[in-house]
Amino acid sequence: MPDDRAEVIVLGAGIAGCALAYHLIERKVGPVVVYDPRTPSAGATGRAAGIVTQQLWDRWDVDVSRESKVEYARLARLRDPTAFTENGFARWTRNPEAAAILQVAADRLRSWGVRVESIEPDALARRVPWGRFDDVRGAIWSPDDAVVTPSAITEIYAESARSRGVDFWLGTPLGSFRKEEGAWTVSSGARSVRARRAVIAAGAWSKELLRQIGHPLPLAPYRTQAALLRPTTACPPDLPSVHDIDLDVYVRPESNGRIMAGDGTELVEVDPETFRTGGDETFVTHLAESFDTRFPGWADAELVRAWAGVCTSTPDRRPMVGPVPSAEGLYTLTGFNGFGVMRAGGIAQRLAAVLAAGEGSRSELDGLAPVLPGRFRGALPAFRPRPGFTLESGDNPRF
């Protein structure tokens, strides 16, 4: 059987891969094939928290998160209004040192155009009446931040792309991915697809795919946990998302009056094929103890389920997006350090612009300058995953 032909193959049907397919076809780049051995959102996307905040440590990330939020709001209005809620975001600390860093970060964020302000404990208590904040030494609040349902936004991207002619090849195990006769080829079973360009957007599986074709990049998959809880008093859908810096626990509203809570992140590398997908007893215990301390109004909430997903870390906590050095026609869209949903829409727009203009277009590549894979040359650095949900820059953020 002759190979199918495409202009771009996208490996990965999570939110990033589906957003890229959507933006490629919007820019009339095609044919486009999206391949995934599972279904859309079956990987990290379907296990993500879906918080979209501009409280970030890097200016480029802030801009991309803002672009993503605008796009998610537009798509949800058109297709599924329940998939997007602008609910605001607060984070706080009882540590005086961390409180000083929060204030510095708030000043920096405002200089980047982010609406963020200090908030007093009594005002926090009014917004989150299930909490106890009398010991809080510093807190900041962003009214414009949002939450999304990652699987719903991904489905909107996928259906919009499919309706415009993108071919989704899903649910069949990968046979091979290779370069032959000047084309990138994906094969599975009796089918093969060849394209001039390929984009690896496979999340935690990207590391192994790149290694197999001889173009490894410094990526480290790591495990993170979350839980769904049902409080005795239903929470409103516009309840703010919150993050206790000291306990390292976040909470966001969920559908049907429930809440989602994490962050059970383990900063060690794992294998995405064999990691534990259920929540650990130690994580659930930590949540229970944290709720007793900080959210006594939710202390008796019913645990609906707990789970784990795999995120992908990089040495400098920035994604790997753009052309892979010394691999003509190969691109990556991965390494989001736990912020894939937060960044996917904005980054996909930027990468689609590069692919539409051609790799030699400097102006489009400038939009990806901080995250181009070529920033790591020579021997790959050894590193451990680092916290992503922080306001501090540098290699070793404390808070």
Protein backbone atom coordinates (compact mmCIF):
# COMPACT_ATOMS: atom_id res chain seq x y z
CA MET A 1 0.00 0.00 0.00
CA PRO A 2 1.51 3.40 -0.94
CA ASP A 3 2.27 5.86 1.83
CA ASP A 4 -0.12 8.67 2.60
CA ARG A 5 1.39 12.11 2.07
CA ALA A 6 1.17 15.17 4.29
CA GLU A 7 2.89 18.50 4.72
CA VAL A 8 3.11 18.17 8.52
CA ILE A 9 2.78 15.20 10.85
CA VAL A 10 2.01 16.08 14.47
CA LEU A 11 2.88 13.30 16.93
CA GLY A 12 0.62 13.76 19.94
CA ALA A 13 -3.07 14.58 20.33
CA GLY A 14 -2.96 16.36 23.67
CA ILE A 15 -3.98 19.99 23.94
CA ALA A 16 -0.68 21.21 22.40
CA GLY A 17 -0.81 18.90 19.37
CA CYS A 18 -4.49 19.58 18.69
CA ALA A 19 -4.01 23.34 19.10
CA LEU A 20 -1.11 23.22 16.63
CA ALA A 21 -3.18 21.29 14.08
CA TYR A 22 -5.96 23.86 14.46
CA HIS A 23 -3.60 26.79 13.90
CA LEU A 24 -1.79 25.13 11.00
CA ILE A 25 -5.01 24.58 9.08
CA GLU A 26 -6.15 28.11 9.97
CA ARG A 27 -2.97 29.30 8.24
CA LYS A 28 -3.69 27.02 5.28
CA VAL A 29 -0.71 24.76 6.02
CA GLY A 30 -1.62 21.24 4.96
CA PRO A 31 -2.35 18.45 4.57
CA VAL A 32 -1.87 17.85 8.32
CA VAL A 33 -1.98 14.46 10.05
CA VAL A 34 -2.18 14.13 13.84
CA TYR A 35 -1.03 10.74 15.11
CA ASP A 36 -1.51 9.39 18.63
CA PRO A 37 -1.58 5.77 19.82
CA ARG A 38 -4.31 6.79 22.25
CA THR A 39 -7.17 9.28 22.01
CA PRO A 40 -7.12 13.08 22.43
CA SER A 41 -6.45 14.08 26.06
CA ALA A 42 -5.61 10.50 27.10
CA GLY A 43 -2.19 11.56 28.39
CA ALA A 44 -1.21 14.48 30.60
CA THR A 45 -3.91 16.79 29.22
CA GLY A 46 -6.76 14.74 30.64
CA ARG A 47 -5.10 14.71 34.08
CA ALA A 48 -4.20 18.42 34.20
CA ALA A 49 -5.51 20.99 36.68
CA GLY A 50 -6.55 23.49 34.00
CA ILE A 51 -5.55 26.62 35.94
CA VAL A 52 -4.63 29.48 33.59
CA THR A 53 -2.77 32.17 35.50
CA GLN A 54 -0.42 34.99 34.63
CA GLN A 55 1.25 34.76 38.04
CA LEU A 56 4.45 33.39 36.52
CA TRP A 57 8.16 34.02 36.90
CA ASP A 58 9.00 34.83 33.26
CA ARG A 59 7.80 37.62 30.94
CA TRP A 60 7.61 35.37 27.89
CA ASP A 61 5.48 32.87 29.81
CA VAL A 62 3.15 35.64 30.96
CA ASP A 63 2.58 36.78 27.37
CA VAL A 64 1.95 33.22 26.16
CA SER A 65 -0.41 32.45 29.02
CA ARG A 66 -2.36 35.63 28.24
CA GLU A 67 -2.63 34.62 24.58
CA SER A 68 -3.82 31.15 25.60
CA LYS A 69 -6.46 32.53 27.94
CA VAL A 70 -7.88 34.84 25.27
CA GLU A 71 -8.10 31.96 22.82
CA TYR A 72 -9.68 29.52 25.29
CA ALA A 73 -12.32 32.10 26.20
CA ARG A 74 -13.15 32.64 22.51
CA LEU A 75 -13.35 28.92 21.71
CA ALA A 76 -15.48 28.19 24.76
CA ARG A 77 -17.93 30.95 23.90
CA LEU A 78 -18.38 29.45 20.44
CA ARG A 79 -18.54 25.76 21.35
CA ASP A 80 -18.86 25.03 25.09
CA PRO A 81 -19.27 27.92 27.56
CA THR A 82 -18.85 25.53 30.52
CA ALA A 83 -15.24 24.82 29.49
CA PHE A 84 -13.96 28.26 30.60
CA THR A 85 -14.50 30.30 33.77
CA GLU A 86 -12.74 33.53 34.72
CA ASN A 87 -12.57 33.11 38.48
CA GLY A 88 -9.36 34.81 39.67
CA PHE A 89 -6.38 33.36 41.48
CA ALA A 90 -4.85 33.97 44.93
CA ARG A 91 -1.68 32.68 46.52
CA TRP A 92 -0.36 33.35 50.00
CA THR A 93 2.25 32.49 52.60
CA ARG A 94 2.81 32.72 56.34
CA ASN A 95 6.59 32.88 55.77
CA PRO A 96 7.92 36.48 56.01
CA GLU A 97 10.71 35.76 53.52
CA ALA A 98 8.28 34.34 50.99
CA ALA A 99 5.90 37.26 51.64
CA ALA A 100 8.64 39.71 50.61
CA ILE A 101 9.21 37.70 47.41
CA LEU A 102 5.47 37.80 46.68
CA GLN A 103 5.50 41.59 46.83
CA VAL A 104 8.55 41.86 44.57
CA ALA A 105 6.89 39.45 42.14
CA ALA A 106 3.67 41.48 42.18
CA ASP A 107 5.59 44.63 41.25
CA ARG A 108 7.33 42.77 38.44
CA LEU A 109 4.08 41.31 37.15
CA ARG A 110 2.42 44.72 37.10
CA SER A 111 5.33 46.02 35.00
CA TRP A 112 4.45 43.26 32.52
CA GLY A 113 0.82 44.37 32.31
CA VAL A 114 -0.65 41.80 34.72
CA ARG A 115 -3.51 42.94 36.95
CA VAL A 116 -2.31 41.76 40.36
CA GLU A 117 -2.63 43.27 43.80
CA SER A 118 -1.97 42.55 47.46
CA ILE A 119 -4.90 41.15 49.35
CA GLU A 120 -5.48 41.17 53.11
CA PRO A 121 -6.41 38.03 55.08
CA ASP A 122 -9.95 39.24 55.78
CA ALA A 123 -10.52 39.83 52.06
CA LEU A 124 -9.17 36.34 51.34
CA ALA A 125 -11.62 34.93 53.85
CA ARG A 126 -14.51 36.65 52.09
CA ARG A 127 -13.49 35.15 48.74
CA VAL A 128 -12.77 31.69 50.19
CA PRO A 129 -15.07 31.36 53.25
CA TRP A 130 -14.00 27.74 53.81
CA GLY A 131 -10.43 28.87 54.63
CA ARG A 132 -8.53 30.13 57.67
CA PHE A 133 -6.10 32.98 56.95
CA ASP A 134 -5.35 34.65 60.29
CA ASP A 135 -1.64 33.64 60.11
CA VAL A 136 -1.08 34.80 56.50
CA ARG A 137 1.82 37.26 56.21
CA GLY A 138 1.51 38.05 52.51
CA ALA A 139 -0.92 37.33 49.68
CA ILE A 140 -1.54 38.44 46.09
CA TRP A 141 -4.67 38.29 43.94
CA SER A 142 -5.20 38.30 40.16
CA PRO A 143 -8.84 38.87 39.14
CA ASP A 144 -8.31 37.98 35.47
CA ASP A 145 -7.05 34.41 35.86
CA ALA A 146 -9.22 31.49 34.81
CA VAL A 147 -9.84 27.76 34.87
CA VAL A 148 -10.60 25.55 31.88
CA THR A 149 -11.67 21.96 31.34
CA PRO A 150 -8.58 20.70 29.47
CA SER A 151 -10.28 17.76 27.77
CA ALA A 152 -13.12 19.98 26.53
CA ILE A 153 -10.78 22.64 25.10
CA THR A 154 -8.73 19.89 23.43
CA GLU A 155 -11.86 18.42 21.87
CA ILE A 156 -12.85 21.86 20.54
CA TYR A 157 -9.42 22.18 18.89
CA ALA A 158 -9.61 18.64 17.49
CA GLU A 159 -13.14 18.93 16.10
CA SER A 160 -12.43 22.35 14.60
CA ALA A 161 -9.26 21.02 12.95
CA ARG A 162 -10.99 17.85 11.74
CA SER A 163 -13.84 19.86 10.21
CA ARG A 164 -11.24 21.77 8.18
CA GLY A 165 -9.58 18.64 6.84
CA VAL A 166 -6.98 17.59 9.42
CA ASP A 167 -6.62 13.79 9.46
CA PHE A 168 -6.57 12.35 13.00
CA TRP A 169 -4.97 8.91 13.08
CA LEU A 170 -5.67 7.60 16.56
CA GLY A 171 -5.74 4.45 18.65
CA THR A 172 -3.15 2.30 16.87
CA PRO A 173 0.28 1.43 18.37
CA LEU A 174 3.27 3.17 16.83
CA GLY A 175 5.23 0.94 14.49
CA SER A 176 8.06 3.33 13.68
CA PHE A 177 8.97 6.98 13.36
CA ARG A 178 11.97 7.67 11.14
CA LYS A 179 13.52 9.82 8.44
CA GLU A 180 13.87 8.16 5.07
CA GLU A 181 14.35 9.50 1.56
CA GLY A 182 14.09 13.07 2.82
CA ALA A 183 10.72 12.61 4.55
CA TRP A 184 9.57 11.94 8.10
CA THR A 185 7.54 8.75 8.21
CA VAL A 186 5.14 7.41 10.80
CA SER A 187 3.94 3.83 10.35
CA SER A 188 1.53 1.67 12.28
CA GLY A 189 0.07 -1.59 11.08
CA ALA A 190 -0.63 -1.39 7.36
CA ARG A 191 -0.62 2.42 7.20
CA SER A 192 2.26 4.85 6.73
CA VAL A 193 2.27 8.63 6.51
CA ARG A 194 5.16 10.62 5.04
CA ALA A 195 5.66 14.35 5.46
CA ARG A 196 8.32 16.96 4.81
CA ARG A 197 7.99 18.16 8.39
CA ALA A 198 7.15 16.50 11.71
CA VAL A 199 6.37 17.96 15.11
CA ILE A 200 6.90 15.91 18.26
CA ALA A 201 4.19 17.04 20.68
CA ALA A 202 4.05 13.81 22.65
CA GLY A 203 4.50 15.15 26.17
CA ALA A 204 6.37 12.75 28.44
CA TRP A 205 6.88 10.36 25.51
CA SER A 206 8.81 13.00 23.54
CA LYS A 207 12.09 12.16 25.24
CA GLU A 208 12.11 8.55 24.04
CA LEU A 209 10.92 9.44 20.52
CA LEU A 210 13.76 11.93 20.12
CA ARG A 211 16.29 9.46 21.50
CA GLN A 212 15.17 6.74 19.10
CA ILE A 213 15.77 8.91 16.04
CA GLY A 214 19.16 10.13 17.27
CA HIS A 215 18.21 13.69 18.25
CA PRO A 216 17.95 13.60 22.05
CA LEU A 217 17.05 16.69 24.06
CA PRO A 218 17.31 17.26 27.85
CA LEU A 219 13.83 16.27 29.00
CA ALA A 220 12.80 14.58 32.24
CA PRO A 221 9.29 13.19 32.75
CA TYR A 222 8.06 13.46 36.35
CA ARG A 223 4.95 12.47 38.25
CA THR A 224 2.38 14.84 39.76
CA GLN A 225 -0.85 14.12 41.63
CA ALA A 226 -4.28 15.65 42.09
CA ALA A 227 -7.58 14.73 43.67
CA LEU A 228 -11.27 15.47 43.15
CA LEU A 229 -13.30 16.16 46.30
CA ARG A 230 -16.96 16.76 47.06
CA PRO A 231 -17.50 19.24 49.93
CA THR A 232 -20.64 18.97 52.04
CA THR A 233 -21.52 22.49 50.88
CA ALA A 234 -21.29 22.86 47.09
CA CYS A 235 -18.69 25.35 45.89
CA PRO A 236 -19.70 27.97 43.32
CA PRO A 237 -18.11 27.68 39.86
CA ASP A 238 -16.52 31.11 40.18
CA LEU A 239 -14.70 30.27 43.44
CA PRO A 240 -11.12 31.56 43.04
CA SER A 241 -8.27 29.16 42.40
CA VAL A 242 -5.85 29.32 45.33
CA HIS A 243 -2.32 28.21 46.18
CA ASP A 244 -0.80 27.91 49.65
CA ILE A 245 2.93 28.34 49.05
CA ASP A 246 3.98 26.84 52.38
CA LEU A 247 1.87 23.69 52.16
CA ASP A 248 2.37 23.51 48.37
CA VAL A 249 -1.31 22.79 47.82
CA TYR A 250 -3.59 24.34 45.21
CA VAL A 251 -7.39 24.20 45.00
CA ARG A 252 -9.66 25.10 42.09
CA PRO A 253 -13.43 24.83 41.51
CA GLU A 254 -14.74 21.87 39.54
CA SER A 255 -18.11 20.99 38.02
CA ASN A 256 -21.14 20.05 40.13
CA GLY A 257 -19.94 21.93 43.21
CA ARG A 258 -16.77 19.88 43.61
CA ILE A 259 -13.15 21.00 44.00
CA MET A 260 -9.84 19.78 42.60
CA ALA A 261 -6.73 19.84 44.78
CA GLY A 262 -3.00 19.09 44.28
CA ASP A 263 0.06 19.41 44.11
CA GLY A 264 1.57 16.02 44.76
CA THR A 265 4.58 16.62 42.54
CA GLU A 266 7.54 14.25 42.81
CA LEU A 267 10.72 15.88 41.52
CA VAL A 268 12.33 12.67 40.24
CA GLU A 269 12.31 11.26 36.71
CA VAL A 270 9.83 8.49 35.88
CA ASP A 271 9.02 6.28 32.91
CA PRO A 272 5.71 7.41 31.31
CA GLU A 273 4.97 3.79 30.37
CA THR A 274 5.21 2.41 33.91
CA PHE A 275 4.46 5.24 36.37
CA ARG A 276 1.78 4.80 39.04
CA THR A 277 -1.45 6.35 37.76
CA GLY A 278 -3.32 6.35 41.07
CA GLY A 279 -2.92 8.77 43.94
CA ASP A 280 -0.65 7.72 46.80
CA GLU A 281 -1.80 7.39 50.39
CA THR A 282 0.90 9.89 51.44
CA PHE A 283 -0.48 12.47 49.00
CA VAL A 284 -4.06 11.98 50.16
CA THR A 285 -2.91 12.23 53.78
CA HIS A 286 -1.05 15.45 53.00
CA LEU A 287 -4.20 16.91 51.46
CA ALA A 288 -6.27 15.93 54.50
CA GLU A 289 -3.75 17.48 56.90
CA SER A 290 -3.51 20.63 54.75
CA PHE A 291 -7.29 21.02 54.70
CA ASP A 292 -7.43 20.65 58.47
CA THR A 293 -4.86 23.45 58.74
CA ARG A 294 -5.87 25.84 55.98
CA PHE A 295 -9.37 24.89 54.77
CA PRO A 296 -11.25 23.65 57.83
CA GLY A 297 -14.56 24.25 56.05
CA TRP A 298 -13.57 21.55 53.57
CA ALA A 299 -11.99 19.15 56.07
CA ASP A 300 -14.92 16.73 55.83
CA ALA A 301 -15.04 16.78 52.00
CA GLU A 302 -15.53 13.37 50.39
CA LEU A 303 -12.61 12.08 48.34
CA VAL A 304 -14.09 11.17 44.94
CA ARG A 305 -10.82 9.98 43.41
CA ALA A 306 -7.09 10.72 43.29
CA TRP A 307 -4.82 10.26 40.30
CA ALA A 308 -1.37 10.96 38.90
CA GLY A 309 -0.15 12.28 35.56
CA VAL A 310 3.26 12.83 34.01
CA CYS A 311 4.68 16.25 33.17
CA THR A 312 7.97 16.95 31.39
CA SER A 313 10.75 19.06 32.84
CA THR A 314 13.69 20.86 31.17
CA PRO A 315 16.93 22.15 32.73
CA ASP A 316 15.84 25.81 32.70
CA ARG A 317 12.09 25.30 33.28
CA ARG A 318 11.28 26.60 29.79
CA PRO A 319 9.57 24.52 27.08
CA MET A 320 11.29 23.02 24.03
CA VAL A 321 9.49 24.51 21.04
CA GLY A 322 10.78 24.96 17.51
CA PRO A 323 13.20 23.38 15.04
CA VAL A 324 15.51 20.66 16.36
CA PRO A 325 19.18 21.42 15.50
CA SER A 326 20.71 19.24 12.78
CA ALA A 327 17.38 17.57 12.03
CA GLU A 328 15.89 19.15 8.92
CA GLY A 329 12.13 19.38 9.07
CA LEU A 330 11.87 18.20 12.70
CA TYR A 331 10.25 20.35 15.40
CA THR A 332 9.29 19.91 19.03
CA LEU A 333 6.35 21.17 21.08
CA THR A 334 7.05 19.75 24.52
CA GLY A 335 8.76 20.25 27.88
CA PHE A 336 6.07 22.39 29.53
CA ASN A 337 7.16 21.75 33.15
CA GLY A 338 3.59 21.19 34.26
CA PHE A 339 2.14 24.21 32.45
CA GLY A 340 1.08 22.63 29.16
CA VAL A 341 -2.57 23.68 29.34
CA MET A 342 -1.61 27.16 30.49
CA ARG A 343 0.70 27.67 27.50
CA ALA A 344 -0.62 25.46 24.70
CA GLY A 345 -2.87 27.89 22.83
CA GLY A 346 -0.36 30.73 22.70
CA ILE A 347 2.65 28.55 21.91
CA ALA A 348 0.78 26.65 19.18
CA GLN A 349 -0.04 29.96 17.49
CA ARG A 350 3.64 30.90 17.50
CA LEU A 351 4.90 27.57 16.22
CA ALA A 352 2.23 27.50 13.49
CA ALA A 353 3.48 30.91 12.36
CA VAL A 354 7.02 29.50 12.05
CA LEU A 355 5.84 26.47 10.08
CA ALA A 356 3.69 28.63 7.79
CA ALA A 357 6.51 31.07 7.07
CA GLY A 358 9.30 28.52 6.84
CA GLU A 359 12.15 27.91 9.25
CA GLY A 360 14.27 30.68 7.76
CA SER A 361 11.84 33.41 8.79
CA ARG A 362 13.59 35.28 11.58
CA SER A 363 10.62 37.35 12.73
CA GLU A 364 8.45 34.30 13.44
CA LEU A 365 11.31 32.46 15.16
CA ASP A 366 11.81 35.48 17.41
CA GLY A 367 8.44 34.68 18.97
CA LEU A 368 9.95 31.42 20.21
CA ALA A 369 13.43 32.75 21.00
CA PRO A 370 13.54 31.81 24.72
CA VAL A 371 12.32 28.25 24.11
CA LEU A 372 14.11 27.12 20.93
CA PRO A 373 15.62 23.64 21.37
CA GLY A 374 18.94 24.85 19.98
CA ARG A 375 19.75 26.61 23.26
CA PHE A 376 21.16 23.28 24.51
CA ARG A 377 24.21 22.22 22.52
CA GLY A 378 26.87 19.62 23.11
CA ALA A 379 26.52 17.07 25.88
CA LEU A 380 23.05 16.99 27.40
CA PRO A 381 23.07 18.42 30.93
CA ALA A 382 22.16 16.16 33.82
CA PHE A 383 19.39 17.68 35.92
CA ARG A 384 16.49 16.94 38.24
CA PRO A 385 12.98 18.29 37.69
CA ARG A 386 12.40 21.62 39.44
CA PRO A 387 9.24 23.30 40.72
CA GLY A 388 7.34 25.09 37.99
CA PHE A 389 4.56 26.75 40.00
CA THR A 390 6.76 29.50 41.41
CA LEU A 391 7.28 33.25 41.15
CA GLU A 392 11.06 33.03 41.49
CA SER A 393 13.40 32.91 38.52
CA GLY A 394 16.69 30.99 38.43
CA ASP A 395 17.57 27.33 38.50
CA ASN A 396 16.62 26.65 42.13
CA PRO A 397 13.52 28.60 43.17
CA ARG A 398 12.73 28.39 46.86
CA PHE A 399 9.06 29.35 46.79
